[in-house]
């Protein structure tokens, strides 16, 4: 196939998609280590604060200014709630009792919920048979991962797993809402939403956790720094860029790249393991996400 000017650009975007999947896949392990000695709200408050400060420094170095109009900042606040404040906190709270591997599997269903929200609210995509298969397969996988104890409402980690599902729905809403930032430098909505998230969460942290009395371990502090700099500041910049170049559906397709990466990191560094049912559920989720995000043959040839 001859090399055209578009091919190197597409290859670059796909490499960035893999980098994003790795950054977000590793975030679950960072969170698991962080919440060992840092309360969830404080962990996420500091995460958004550090990441926002890093992006502000990057924007200043590049001589890029944040918008000053209230309308844009209202959009930043909504994006912050959907993409960081609510889901970050829910996942951090859940990982006090849920393994990082299970968290990444449950959270990988973002494209499925993105499609469901699109069909029920924005309605700009058709419900094809392939996509319906993806929804059924993905939701079945989620049920298998959660386990049969969910049927009876039992299990000590059931509420935590449901919290991750709610976080996944928030991410789906954020993927759709992020279309409001087309035309902006990708680092601008990333910085604006993270700063907004920090403003919301820092007072809550001061009231609920009283962080001045905490004694976090060195491992938790390092995990927090890695989570803030790499899995948040850098990842958000790449995310908003890919939303503009690959679209919301294409960008959320990193979910099925993130699953094996996140599970592998949890197994290697945290010594976690998955039950046979969870492995089956993992397969169903991946199949579902692939069915939801794989372009049609004609579209793929055009790309």
C-alpha atoms as a PDB file:
ATOM      1  CA  UNK A   1       0.000   0.000   0.000  1.00  0.00           C
ATOM      2  CA  UNK A   2       1.536   3.349  -0.999  1.00  0.00           C
ATOM      3  CA  UNK A   3       2.375   5.743   1.771  1.00  0.00           C
ATOM      4  CA  UNK A   4       0.128   8.804   1.650  1.00  0.00           C
ATOM      5  CA  UNK A   5       0.440  11.962   3.754  1.00  0.00           C
ATOM      6  CA  UNK A   6      -2.479  10.784   5.889  1.00  0.00           C
ATOM      7  CA  UNK A   7      -0.959   7.430   6.850  1.00  0.00           C
ATOM      8  CA  UNK A   8       1.773   8.794   9.154  1.00  0.00           C
ATOM      9  CA  UNK A   9      -0.829  11.002  10.856  1.00  0.00           C
ATOM     10  CA  UNK A  10      -3.163   8.054  11.440  1.00  0.00           C
ATOM     11  CA  UNK A  11      -0.262   5.933  12.724  1.00  0.00           C
ATOM     12  CA  UNK A  12       0.633   8.714  15.176  1.00  0.00           C
ATOM     13  CA  UNK A  13      -2.935   8.883  16.471  1.00  0.00           C
ATOM     14  CA  UNK A  14      -3.028   5.102  16.951  1.00  0.00           C
ATOM     15  CA  UNK A  15       0.255   5.215  18.879  1.00  0.00           C
ATOM     16  CA  UNK A  16      -1.225   7.933  21.086  1.00  0.00           C
ATOM     17  CA  UNK A  17      -4.291   5.728  21.582  1.00  0.00           C
ATOM     18  CA  UNK A  18      -2.049   2.915  22.845  1.00  0.00           C
ATOM     19  CA  UNK A  19      -0.180   5.354  25.125  1.00  0.00           C
ATOM     20  CA  UNK A  20      -3.498   6.579  26.536  1.00  0.00           C
ATOM     21  CA  UNK A  21      -4.632   3.001  27.179  1.00  0.00           C
ATOM     22  CA  UNK A  22      -1.369   2.309  29.038  1.00  0.00           C
ATOM     23  CA  UNK A  23      -1.588   5.494  31.123  1.00  0.00           C
ATOM     24  CA  UNK A  24      -5.177   4.821  32.135  1.00  0.00           C
ATOM     25  CA  UNK A  25      -4.574   1.084  32.526  1.00  0.00           C
ATOM     26  CA  UNK A  26      -1.842   1.794  35.073  1.00  0.00           C
ATOM     27  CA  UNK A  27      -3.974   4.320  36.971  1.00  0.00           C
ATOM     28  CA  UNK A  28      -5.914   1.548  38.732  1.00  0.00           C
ATOM     29  CA  UNK A  29      -2.728   0.173  40.256  1.00  0.00           C
ATOM     30  CA  UNK A  30      -1.642   3.684  41.272  1.00  0.00           C
ATOM     31  CA  UNK A  31      -5.021   4.208  42.948  1.00  0.00           C
ATOM     32  CA  UNK A  32      -4.884   0.834  44.698  1.00  0.00           C
ATOM     33  CA  UNK A  33      -1.501   1.714  46.221  1.00  0.00           C
ATOM     34  CA  UNK A  34      -2.535   5.292  46.983  1.00  0.00           C
ATOM     35  CA  UNK A  35      -5.701   4.507  48.957  1.00  0.00           C
ATOM     36  CA  UNK A  36      -3.755   2.215  51.281  1.00  0.00           C
ATOM     37  CA  UNK A  37      -2.765   5.248  53.385  1.00  0.00           C
ATOM     38  CA  UNK A  38      -4.533   8.219  51.727  1.00  0.00           C
ATOM     39  CA  UNK A  39      -8.337   8.596  51.952  1.00  0.00           C
ATOM     40  CA  UNK A  40     -10.122   8.520  48.573  1.00  0.00           C
ATOM     41  CA  UNK A  41     -11.412  12.119  48.552  1.00  0.00           C
ATOM     42  CA  UNK A  42      -8.023  13.556  49.493  1.00  0.00           C
ATOM     43  CA  UNK A  43      -6.237  11.314  46.987  1.00  0.00           C
ATOM     44  CA  UNK A  44      -8.435  12.549  44.135  1.00  0.00           C
ATOM     45  CA  UNK A  45      -8.420  16.173  45.321  1.00  0.00           C
ATOM     46  CA  UNK A  46      -4.623  16.247  45.300  1.00  0.00           C
ATOM     47  CA  UNK A  47      -4.560  14.281  42.044  1.00  0.00           C
ATOM     48  CA  UNK A  48      -6.652  16.890  40.235  1.00  0.00           C
ATOM     49  CA  UNK A  49      -4.785  19.769  41.895  1.00  0.00           C
ATOM     50  CA  UNK A  50      -1.324  18.522  40.872  1.00  0.00           C
ATOM     51  CA  UNK A  51      -2.437  17.535  37.377  1.00  0.00           C
ATOM     52  CA  UNK A  52      -4.158  20.891  36.858  1.00  0.00           C
ATOM     53  CA  UNK A  53      -1.058  22.764  38.053  1.00  0.00           C
ATOM     54  CA  UNK A  54       1.149  20.778  35.659  1.00  0.00           C
ATOM     55  CA  UNK A  55      -1.107  21.581  32.722  1.00  0.00           C
ATOM     56  CA  UNK A  56      -1.252  25.249  33.705  1.00  0.00           C
ATOM     57  CA  UNK A  57       2.549  25.352  33.644  1.00  0.00           C
ATOM     58  CA  UNK A  58       2.569  23.666  30.230  1.00  0.00           C
ATOM     59  CA  UNK A  59       0.037  26.152  28.843  1.00  0.00           C
ATOM     60  CA  UNK A  60       1.989  29.087  30.232  1.00  0.00           C
ATOM     61  CA  UNK A  61       5.197  27.758  28.683  1.00  0.00           C
ATOM     62  CA  UNK A  62       3.398  27.482  25.340  1.00  0.00           C
ATOM     63  CA  UNK A  63       1.862  30.951  25.776  1.00  0.00           C
ATOM     64  CA  UNK A  64      -1.670  29.533  25.608  1.00  0.00           C
ATOM     65  CA  UNK A  65      -4.293  31.223  27.780  1.00  0.00           C
ATOM     66  CA  UNK A  66      -7.347  29.670  29.363  1.00  0.00           C
ATOM     67  CA  UNK A  67     -10.734  31.107  28.339  1.00  0.00           C
ATOM     68  CA  UNK A  68     -12.115  33.788  30.623  1.00  0.00           C
ATOM     69  CA  UNK A  69     -15.799  33.701  29.723  1.00  0.00           C
ATOM     70  CA  UNK A  70     -18.236  32.184  32.203  1.00  0.00           C
ATOM     71  CA  UNK A  71     -19.959  30.010  29.599  1.00  0.00           C
ATOM     72  CA  UNK A  72     -16.782  28.031  28.871  1.00  0.00           C
ATOM     73  CA  UNK A  73     -15.977  27.632  32.544  1.00  0.00           C
ATOM     74  CA  UNK A  74     -19.476  26.308  33.189  1.00  0.00           C
ATOM     75  CA  UNK A  75     -18.719  23.673  30.568  1.00  0.00           C
ATOM     76  CA  UNK A  76     -15.427  22.938  32.338  1.00  0.00           C
ATOM     77  CA  UNK A  77     -17.281  22.395  35.632  1.00  0.00           C
ATOM     78  CA  UNK A  78     -19.738  19.952  34.036  1.00  0.00           C
ATOM     79  CA  UNK A  79     -16.865  18.113  32.339  1.00  0.00           C
ATOM     80  CA  UNK A  80     -14.996  17.987  35.647  1.00  0.00           C
ATOM     81  CA  UNK A  81     -17.960  16.381  37.406  1.00  0.00           C
ATOM     82  CA  UNK A  82     -18.412  13.789  34.655  1.00  0.00           C
ATOM     83  CA  UNK A  83     -14.753  13.047  33.953  1.00  0.00           C
ATOM     84  CA  UNK A  84     -12.951  13.457  37.274  1.00  0.00           C
ATOM     85  CA  UNK A  85     -14.793  14.543  40.436  1.00  0.00           C
ATOM     86  CA  UNK A  86     -17.463  11.815  40.508  1.00  0.00           C
ATOM     87  CA  UNK A  87     -15.781   8.874  38.696  1.00  0.00           C
ATOM     88  CA  UNK A  88     -12.296   9.389  40.170  1.00  0.00           C
ATOM     89  CA  UNK A  89     -13.693   9.496  43.704  1.00  0.00           C
ATOM     90  CA  UNK A  90     -16.002   6.507  43.181  1.00  0.00           C
ATOM     91  CA  UNK A  91     -13.187   4.368  41.771  1.00  0.00           C
ATOM     92  CA  UNK A  92     -10.764   5.382  44.536  1.00  0.00           C
ATOM     93  CA  UNK A  93     -13.370   4.545  47.173  1.00  0.00           C
ATOM     94  CA  UNK A  94     -14.198   1.238  45.464  1.00  0.00           C
ATOM     95  CA  UNK A  95     -10.580   0.123  45.200  1.00  0.00           C
ATOM     96  CA  UNK A  96     -10.339  -0.019  48.966  1.00  0.00           C
ATOM     97  CA  UNK A  97     -12.138  -3.374  48.629  1.00  0.00           C
ATOM     98  CA  UNK A  98     -11.940  -4.221  44.895  1.00  0.00           C
ATOM     99  CA  UNK A  99      -8.820  -5.403  43.060  1.00  0.00           C
ATOM    100  CA  UNK A 100      -7.339  -3.115  40.419  1.00  0.00           C
ATOM    101  CA  UNK A 101      -7.861  -5.815  37.776  1.00  0.00           C
ATOM    102  CA  UNK A 102     -11.588  -6.061  38.444  1.00  0.00           C
ATOM    103  CA  UNK A 103     -11.869  -2.270  38.473  1.00  0.00           C
ATOM    104  CA  UNK A 104     -10.312  -1.932  35.037  1.00  0.00           C
ATOM    105  CA  UNK A 105     -12.603  -4.643  33.599  1.00  0.00           C
ATOM    106  CA  UNK A 106     -15.765  -3.028  34.947  1.00  0.00           C
ATOM    107  CA  UNK A 107     -14.602   0.408  33.855  1.00  0.00           C
ATOM    108  CA  UNK A 108     -13.827  -0.800  30.327  1.00  0.00           C
ATOM    109  CA  UNK A 109     -17.514  -0.825  29.414  1.00  0.00           C
ATOM    110  CA  UNK A 110     -17.436   2.932  28.738  1.00  0.00           C
ATOM    111  CA  UNK A 111     -18.116   2.549  24.962  1.00  0.00           C
ATOM    112  CA  UNK A 112     -21.163   0.411  25.728  1.00  0.00           C
ATOM    113  CA  UNK A 113     -22.696   3.044  28.003  1.00  0.00           C
ATOM    114  CA  UNK A 114     -21.622   5.767  25.555  1.00  0.00           C
ATOM    115  CA  UNK A 115     -23.703   4.037  22.900  1.00  0.00           C
ATOM    116  CA  UNK A 116     -26.678   3.535  25.227  1.00  0.00           C
ATOM    117  CA  UNK A 117     -26.651   7.215  26.197  1.00  0.00           C
ATOM    118  CA  UNK A 118     -26.283   8.191  22.543  1.00  0.00           C
ATOM    119  CA  UNK A 119     -29.262   6.080  21.459  1.00  0.00           C
ATOM    120  CA  UNK A 120     -31.482   7.196  24.335  1.00  0.00           C
ATOM    121  CA  UNK A 121     -30.535  10.904  24.437  1.00  0.00           C
ATOM    122  CA  UNK A 122     -28.601  12.340  21.480  1.00  0.00           C
ATOM    123  CA  UNK A 123     -29.809   9.702  18.971  1.00  0.00           C
ATOM    124  CA  UNK A 124     -27.190  10.448  16.318  1.00  0.00           C
ATOM    125  CA  UNK A 125     -26.211   6.784  15.905  1.00  0.00           C
ATOM    126  CA  UNK A 126     -28.330   3.874  14.718  1.00  0.00           C
ATOM    127  CA  UNK A 127     -28.807   0.718  16.782  1.00  0.00           C
ATOM    128  CA  UNK A 128     -27.338  -1.857  14.406  1.00  0.00           C
ATOM    129  CA  UNK A 129     -27.416  -5.591  15.131  1.00  0.00           C
ATOM    130  CA  UNK A 130     -23.659  -5.603  15.709  1.00  0.00           C
ATOM    131  CA  UNK A 131     -23.893  -2.832  18.269  1.00  0.00           C
ATOM    132  CA  UNK A 132     -26.800  -4.511  20.016  1.00  0.00           C
ATOM    133  CA  UNK A 133     -24.676  -7.670  20.240  1.00  0.00           C
ATOM    134  CA  UNK A 134     -21.931  -5.537  21.772  1.00  0.00           C
ATOM    135  CA  UNK A 135     -24.311  -4.156  24.386  1.00  0.00           C
ATOM    136  CA  UNK A 136     -25.616  -7.592  25.356  1.00  0.00           C
ATOM    137  CA  UNK A 137     -22.141  -9.142  25.446  1.00  0.00           C
ATOM    138  CA  UNK A 138     -20.674  -6.274  27.454  1.00  0.00           C
ATOM    139  CA  UNK A 139     -23.472  -6.176  30.003  1.00  0.00           C
ATOM    140  CA  UNK A 140     -23.308  -9.983  30.376  1.00  0.00           C
ATOM    141  CA  UNK A 141     -19.572  -9.689  30.974  1.00  0.00           C
ATOM    142  CA  UNK A 142     -20.136  -7.069  33.666  1.00  0.00           C
ATOM    143  CA  UNK A 143     -22.604  -9.360  35.449  1.00  0.00           C
ATOM    144  CA  UNK A 144     -20.111 -12.241  35.284  1.00  0.00           C
ATOM    145  CA  UNK A 145     -17.313 -10.056  36.666  1.00  0.00           C
ATOM    146  CA  UNK A 146     -19.466  -8.850  39.541  1.00  0.00           C
ATOM    147  CA  UNK A 147     -20.405 -12.465  40.248  1.00  0.00           C
ATOM    148  CA  UNK A 148     -23.449 -14.411  41.291  1.00  0.00           C
ATOM    149  CA  UNK A 149     -23.464 -12.758  44.722  1.00  0.00           C
ATOM    150  CA  UNK A 150     -24.925  -9.675  43.021  1.00  0.00           C
ATOM    151  CA  UNK A 151     -28.141 -11.621  42.348  1.00  0.00           C
ATOM    152  CA  UNK A 152     -28.838 -11.913  46.043  1.00  0.00           C
ATOM    153  CA  UNK A 153     -27.530  -8.476  46.924  1.00  0.00           C
ATOM    154  CA  UNK A 154     -24.786 -10.069  48.982  1.00  0.00           C
ATOM    155  CA  UNK A 155     -21.027  -9.808  48.864  1.00  0.00           C
ATOM    156  CA  UNK A 156     -18.892  -7.316  50.789  1.00  0.00           C
ATOM    157  CA  UNK A 157     -17.618  -5.626  47.630  1.00  0.00           C
ATOM    158  CA  UNK A 158     -20.909  -5.424  45.723  1.00  0.00           C
ATOM    159  CA  UNK A 159     -21.483  -1.725  46.476  1.00  0.00           C
ATOM    160  CA  UNK A 160     -17.915  -0.961  45.457  1.00  0.00           C
ATOM    161  CA  UNK A 161     -18.385  -2.758  42.141  1.00  0.00           C
ATOM    162  CA  UNK A 162     -21.632  -0.887  41.505  1.00  0.00           C
ATOM    163  CA  UNK A 163     -19.785   2.349  42.263  1.00  0.00           C
ATOM    164  CA  UNK A 164     -17.326   1.528  39.482  1.00  0.00           C
ATOM    165  CA  UNK A 165     -20.248   0.909  37.112  1.00  0.00           C
ATOM    166  CA  UNK A 166     -21.624   4.353  38.008  1.00  0.00           C
ATOM    167  CA  UNK A 167     -18.176   5.824  37.339  1.00  0.00           C
ATOM    168  CA  UNK A 168     -18.196   4.100  33.952  1.00  0.00           C
ATOM    169  CA  UNK A 169     -21.535   5.727  33.093  1.00  0.00           C
ATOM    170  CA  UNK A 170     -20.038   9.104  34.068  1.00  0.00           C
ATOM    171  CA  UNK A 171     -17.111   8.516  31.706  1.00  0.00           C
ATOM    172  CA  UNK A 172     -19.575   7.703  28.935  1.00  0.00           C
ATOM    173  CA  UNK A 173     -21.368  10.990  29.532  1.00  0.00           C
ATOM    174  CA  UNK A 174     -18.032  12.806  29.569  1.00  0.00           C
ATOM    175  CA  UNK A 175     -17.059  11.314  26.191  1.00  0.00           C
ATOM    176  CA  UNK A 176     -20.250  12.700  24.662  1.00  0.00           C
ATOM    177  CA  UNK A 177     -20.060  16.052  26.461  1.00  0.00           C
ATOM    178  CA  UNK A 178     -16.426  16.595  25.423  1.00  0.00           C
ATOM    179  CA  UNK A 179     -17.641  17.401  21.906  1.00  0.00           C
ATOM    180  CA  UNK A 180     -18.362  20.893  23.265  1.00  0.00           C
ATOM    181  CA  UNK A 181     -14.623  21.613  23.277  1.00  0.00           C
ATOM    182  CA  UNK A 182     -13.927  21.165  19.582  1.00  0.00           C
ATOM    183  CA  UNK A 183     -11.596  23.848  18.286  1.00  0.00           C
ATOM    184  CA  UNK A 184      -9.814  24.354  21.603  1.00  0.00           C
ATOM    185  CA  UNK A 185      -6.225  23.323  22.218  1.00  0.00           C
ATOM    186  CA  UNK A 186      -6.516  19.823  23.806  1.00  0.00           C
ATOM    187  CA  UNK A 187      -4.614  20.959  26.908  1.00  0.00           C
ATOM    188  CA  UNK A 188      -7.123  23.773  27.546  1.00  0.00           C
ATOM    189  CA  UNK A 189     -10.232  21.688  28.430  1.00  0.00           C
ATOM    190  CA  UNK A 190      -7.947  19.220  30.214  1.00  0.00           C
ATOM    191  CA  UNK A 191      -6.522  21.977  32.423  1.00  0.00           C
ATOM    192  CA  UNK A 192      -9.847  23.767  32.842  1.00  0.00           C
ATOM    193  CA  UNK A 193     -11.744  20.653  33.905  1.00  0.00           C
ATOM    194  CA  UNK A 194      -9.012  19.514  36.297  1.00  0.00           C
ATOM    195  CA  UNK A 195      -8.755  22.940  37.933  1.00  0.00           C
ATOM    196  CA  UNK A 196     -12.531  22.980  38.326  1.00  0.00           C
ATOM    197  CA  UNK A 197     -12.377  19.523  39.852  1.00  0.00           C
ATOM    198  CA  UNK A 198      -9.712  20.596  42.335  1.00  0.00           C
ATOM    199  CA  UNK A 199     -11.787  23.624  43.376  1.00  0.00           C
ATOM    200  CA  UNK A 200     -14.740  21.328  44.060  1.00  0.00           C
ATOM    201  CA  UNK A 201     -12.829  18.579  45.868  1.00  0.00           C
ATOM    202  CA  UNK A 202     -10.260  20.450  47.987  1.00  0.00           C
ATOM    203  CA  UNK A 203     -12.816  21.946  50.436  1.00  0.00           C
ATOM    204  CA  UNK A 204     -14.472  18.534  50.775  1.00  0.00           C
ATOM    205  CA  UNK A 205     -11.087  16.982  51.544  1.00  0.00           C
ATOM    206  CA  UNK A 206     -10.316  19.600  54.193  1.00  0.00           C
ATOM    207  CA  UNK A 207     -13.655  19.054  55.916  1.00  0.00           C
ATOM    208  CA  UNK A 208     -13.985  15.257  55.629  1.00  0.00           C
ATOM    209  CA  UNK A 209     -10.422  13.933  55.823  1.00  0.00           C
ATOM    210  CA  UNK A 210      -8.469  16.713  57.596  1.00  0.00           C
ATOM    211  CA  UNK A 211      -5.386  15.853  55.520  1.00  0.00           C
ATOM    212  CA  UNK A 212      -2.962  17.708  57.804  1.00  0.00           C
ATOM    213  CA  UNK A 213      -3.271  14.792  60.242  1.00  0.00           C
ATOM    214  CA  UNK A 214      -2.555  12.047  57.707  1.00  0.00           C
ATOM    215  CA  UNK A 215       0.646  10.010  57.608  1.00  0.00           C
ATOM    216  CA  UNK A 216       0.827   8.570  54.071  1.00  0.00           C
ATOM    217  CA  UNK A 217       3.460   5.986  53.171  1.00  0.00           C
ATOM    218  CA  UNK A 218       6.201   6.705  50.640  1.00  0.00           C
ATOM    219  CA  UNK A 219       4.636   4.193  48.247  1.00  0.00           C
ATOM    220  CA  UNK A 220       1.265   5.975  48.388  1.00  0.00           C
ATOM    221  CA  UNK A 221       2.882   9.367  47.799  1.00  0.00           C
ATOM    222  CA  UNK A 222       4.839   8.082  44.794  1.00  0.00           C
ATOM    223  CA  UNK A 223       1.696   6.435  43.441  1.00  0.00           C
ATOM    224  CA  UNK A 224      -0.169   9.741  43.830  1.00  0.00           C
ATOM    225  CA  UNK A 225       2.550  11.620  41.945  1.00  0.00           C
ATOM    226  CA  UNK A 226       2.574   9.074  39.122  1.00  0.00           C
ATOM    227  CA  UNK A 227      -1.221   9.121  39.019  1.00  0.00           C
ATOM    228  CA  UNK A 228      -1.276  12.924  38.819  1.00  0.00           C
ATOM    229  CA  UNK A 229       1.514  13.544  36.306  1.00  0.00           C
ATOM    230  CA  UNK A 230       1.148  10.617  33.929  1.00  0.00           C
ATOM    231  CA  UNK A 231      -2.297   9.027  34.311  1.00  0.00           C
ATOM    232  CA  UNK A 232      -4.057  12.396  34.611  1.00  0.00           C
ATOM    233  CA  UNK A 233      -2.200  15.446  33.226  1.00  0.00           C
ATOM    234  CA  UNK A 234      -0.571  13.681  30.279  1.00  0.00           C
ATOM    235  CA  UNK A 235      -3.493  11.302  29.733  1.00  0.00           C
ATOM    236  CA  UNK A 236      -6.113  14.076  29.669  1.00  0.00           C
ATOM    237  CA  UNK A 237      -4.110  16.062  27.119  1.00  0.00           C
ATOM    238  CA  UNK A 238      -3.907  13.018  24.852  1.00  0.00           C
ATOM    239  CA  UNK A 239      -7.596  12.237  25.464  1.00  0.00           C
ATOM    240  CA  UNK A 240      -8.909  15.633  24.345  1.00  0.00           C
ATOM    241  CA  UNK A 241      -6.611  15.559  21.316  1.00  0.00           C
ATOM    242  CA  UNK A 242      -7.897  12.132  20.250  1.00  0.00           C
ATOM    243  CA  UNK A 243     -11.524  13.205  20.719  1.00  0.00           C
ATOM    244  CA  UNK A 244     -10.830  15.838  18.058  1.00  0.00           C
ATOM    245  CA  UNK A 245      -8.905  13.546  15.683  1.00  0.00           C
ATOM    246  CA  UNK A 246     -10.527  10.109  16.160  1.00  0.00           C
ATOM    247  CA  UNK A 247     -13.897  11.149  17.585  1.00  0.00           C
ATOM    248  CA  UNK A 248     -15.546  10.112  20.856  1.00  0.00           C
ATOM    249  CA  UNK A 249     -16.269   6.523  19.764  1.00  0.00           C
ATOM    250  CA  UNK A 250     -12.773   6.010  18.366  1.00  0.00           C
ATOM    251  CA  UNK A 251     -11.209   7.425  21.511  1.00  0.00           C
ATOM    252  CA  UNK A 252     -13.256   5.258  23.870  1.00  0.00           C
ATOM    253  CA  UNK A 253     -12.083   2.217  21.903  1.00  0.00           C
ATOM    254  CA  UNK A 254      -8.915   2.402  23.985  1.00  0.00           C
ATOM    255  CA  UNK A 255     -11.060   0.700  26.632  1.00  0.00           C
ATOM    256  CA  UNK A 256     -10.388  -2.753  25.199  1.00  0.00           C
ATOM    257  CA  UNK A 257      -6.679  -1.959  24.979  1.00  0.00           C
ATOM    258  CA  UNK A 258      -6.742  -0.748  28.573  1.00  0.00           C
ATOM    259  CA  UNK A 259      -8.234  -3.988  29.932  1.00  0.00           C
ATOM    260  CA  UNK A 260      -5.352  -6.424  29.289  1.00  0.00           C
ATOM    261  CA  UNK A 261      -2.820  -3.733  30.220  1.00  0.00           C
ATOM    262  CA  UNK A 262      -4.550  -2.886  33.495  1.00  0.00           C
ATOM    263  CA  UNK A 263      -5.178  -6.509  34.433  1.00  0.00           C
ATOM    264  CA  UNK A 264      -1.563  -7.466  33.641  1.00  0.00           C
ATOM    265  CA  UNK A 265      -0.187  -4.607  35.755  1.00  0.00           C
ATOM    266  CA  UNK A 266      -2.380  -5.652  38.676  1.00  0.00           C
ATOM    267  CA  UNK A 267      -1.259  -9.272  38.392  1.00  0.00           C
ATOM    268  CA  UNK A 268       2.455  -8.457  38.050  1.00  0.00           C
ATOM    269  CA  UNK A 269       2.836  -5.637  40.582  1.00  0.00           C
ATOM    270  CA  UNK A 270       0.039  -6.340  43.081  1.00  0.00           C
ATOM    271  CA  UNK A 271      -0.076 -10.138  42.891  1.00  0.00           C
ATOM    272  CA  UNK A 272      -3.787 -10.104  42.032  1.00  0.00           C
ATOM    273  CA  UNK A 273      -5.647 -12.953  40.333  1.00  0.00           C
ATOM    274  CA  UNK A 274      -8.975 -13.321  38.553  1.00  0.00           C
ATOM    275  CA  UNK A 275     -11.575 -16.023  39.136  1.00  0.00           C
ATOM    276  CA  UNK A 276     -12.601 -18.240  36.178  1.00  0.00           C
ATOM    277  CA  UNK A 277     -15.928 -16.381  36.024  1.00  0.00           C
ATOM    278  CA  UNK A 278     -14.120 -13.052  35.882  1.00  0.00           C
ATOM    279  CA  UNK A 279     -11.968 -14.266  32.982  1.00  0.00           C
ATOM    280  CA  UNK A 280     -15.129 -15.223  31.069  1.00  0.00           C
ATOM    281  CA  UNK A 281     -16.611 -11.842  31.905  1.00  0.00           C
ATOM    282  CA  UNK A 282     -13.415 -10.141  30.712  1.00  0.00           C
ATOM    283  CA  UNK A 283     -13.742 -11.920  27.358  1.00  0.00           C
ATOM    284  CA  UNK A 284     -17.395 -10.889  27.013  1.00  0.00           C
ATOM    285  CA  UNK A 285     -16.604  -7.255  27.831  1.00  0.00           C
ATOM    286  CA  UNK A 286     -13.759  -7.100  25.303  1.00  0.00           C
ATOM    287  CA  UNK A 287     -15.934  -8.712  22.601  1.00  0.00           C
ATOM    288  CA  UNK A 288     -18.709  -6.265  23.404  1.00  0.00           C
ATOM    289  CA  UNK A 289     -16.465  -3.208  23.241  1.00  0.00           C
ATOM    290  CA  UNK A 290     -14.889  -4.384  19.972  1.00  0.00           C
ATOM    291  CA  UNK A 291     -18.363  -4.879  18.470  1.00  0.00           C
ATOM    292  CA  UNK A 292     -19.339  -1.398  19.641  1.00  0.00           C
ATOM    293  CA  UNK A 293     -16.281   0.406  18.266  1.00  0.00           C
ATOM    294  CA  UNK A 294     -15.107  -1.578  15.227  1.00  0.00           C
ATOM    295  CA  UNK A 295     -15.855   0.445  12.076  1.00  0.00           C
ATOM    296  CA  UNK A 296     -17.759  -1.078   9.193  1.00  0.00           C
ATOM    297  CA  UNK A 297     -15.696  -2.485   6.321  1.00  0.00           C
ATOM    298  CA  UNK A 298     -16.475   0.414   4.026  1.00  0.00           C
ATOM    299  CA  UNK A 299     -15.528   2.904   6.704  1.00  0.00           C
ATOM    300  CA  UNK A 300     -12.316   1.055   7.497  1.00  0.00           C
ATOM    301  CA  UNK A 301     -11.290   1.032   3.822  1.00  0.00           C
ATOM    302  CA  UNK A 302     -11.997   4.746   3.549  1.00  0.00           C
ATOM    303  CA  UNK A 303      -9.853   5.392   6.643  1.00  0.00           C
END
